[in-house]
Amino acid sequence: MKNVTASMAGTVINVLVQAGDQVNAGQDVVVLESMKMEVPIQAEVDGKVAEVKVHVGDFVNDGDVILVLE
């Protein structure tokens, strides 16, 4: 299992994947809003989404796990 973490604090404005989806390294998986900027978060490795831990509107801090890849 590989965790995808937030690279900065912000509010989740879009979740681009769901459990069961296959993702590739570098693919955008979540979009955060921080200081009026949209910041895409990418998967660092290829894998299948096992669990999405955030929802639109959630606030996350730097380092928080946003999804888990198998």
Protein backbone atom coordinates (compact mmCIF):
# COMPACT_ATOMS: atom_id res chain seq x y z
CA MET A 1 0.00 0.00 0.00
CA LYS A 2 1.21 3.48 -0.87
CA ASN A 3 -0.22 6.65 0.64
CA VAL A 4 -0.74 9.80 -1.43
CA THR A 5 -0.36 12.83 0.84
CA ALA A 6 -1.21 16.51 0.62
CA SER A 7 1.79 18.65 -0.32
CA MET A 8 0.31 21.71 1.39
CA ALA A 9 -2.60 22.75 3.59
CA GLY A 10 -5.82 23.55 1.76
CA THR A 11 -9.44 22.75 1.07
CA VAL A 12 -10.36 19.85 -1.21
CA ILE A 13 -12.26 21.30 -4.19
CA ASN A 14 -12.24 18.26 -6.49
CA VAL A 15 -11.64 14.52 -6.13
CA LEU A 16 -10.70 13.15 -9.56
CA VAL A 17 -10.59 9.41 -8.74
CA GLN A 18 -12.62 6.88 -6.79
CA ALA A 19 -11.93 3.51 -5.19
CA GLY A 20 -11.13 0.91 -7.83
CA ASP A 21 -9.68 3.36 -10.37
CA GLN A 22 -6.26 2.63 -11.88
CA VAL A 23 -3.88 5.64 -11.70
CA ASN A 24 -0.48 6.33 -13.20
CA ALA A 25 2.47 8.11 -11.63
CA GLY A 26 2.06 11.86 -12.21
CA GLN A 27 -1.71 11.68 -12.67
CA ASP A 28 -3.76 14.34 -10.86
CA VAL A 29 -5.94 12.68 -8.21
CA VAL A 30 -7.19 15.58 -6.03
CA VAL A 31 -7.31 19.36 -6.41
CA LEU A 32 -6.76 21.58 -3.36
CA GLU A 33 -7.47 25.28 -3.00
CA SER A 34 -4.98 27.24 -0.94
CA MET A 35 -4.69 31.02 -0.85
CA LYS A 36 -7.07 31.27 -3.85
CA MET A 37 -4.83 28.99 -5.95
CA GLU A 38 -5.84 25.59 -7.30
CA VAL A 39 -3.13 23.03 -6.55
CA PRO A 40 -3.35 19.56 -8.13
CA ILE A 41 -2.04 16.62 -6.09
CA GLN A 42 -0.55 13.79 -8.14
CA ALA A 43 0.00 10.11 -7.53
CA GLU A 44 3.71 9.39 -7.12
CA VAL A 45 3.45 5.77 -8.30
CA ASP A 46 1.24 3.62 -10.49
CA GLY A 47 -1.48 1.73 -8.65
CA LYS A 48 -5.12 1.00 -8.00
CA VAL A 49 -7.06 3.29 -5.65
CA ALA A 50 -7.88 1.28 -2.53
CA GLU A 51 -9.42 4.11 -0.49
CA VAL A 52 -10.16 7.81 -0.88
CA LYS A 53 -9.83 9.47 2.53
CA VAL A 54 -11.10 12.98 1.66
CA HIS A 55 -14.27 14.56 0.31
CA VAL A 56 -14.95 17.87 -1.41
CA GLY A 57 -14.99 20.58 1.26
CA ASP A 58 -12.59 18.81 3.63
CA PHE A 59 -9.60 20.78 4.96
CA VAL A 60 -6.27 18.95 4.87
CA ASN A 61 -2.87 19.80 6.32
CA ASP A 62 0.52 19.26 4.73
CA GLY A 63 1.32 15.56 4.98
CA ASP A 64 -2.25 14.33 5.55
CA VAL A 65 -3.09 11.10 3.70
CA ILE A 66 -5.64 11.84 0.96
CA LEU A 67 -5.80 8.40 -0.66
CA VAL A 68 -4.31 4.94 -0.51
CA LEU A 69 -3.03 3.00 -3.54
CA GLU A 70 -2.64 -0.78 -3.78
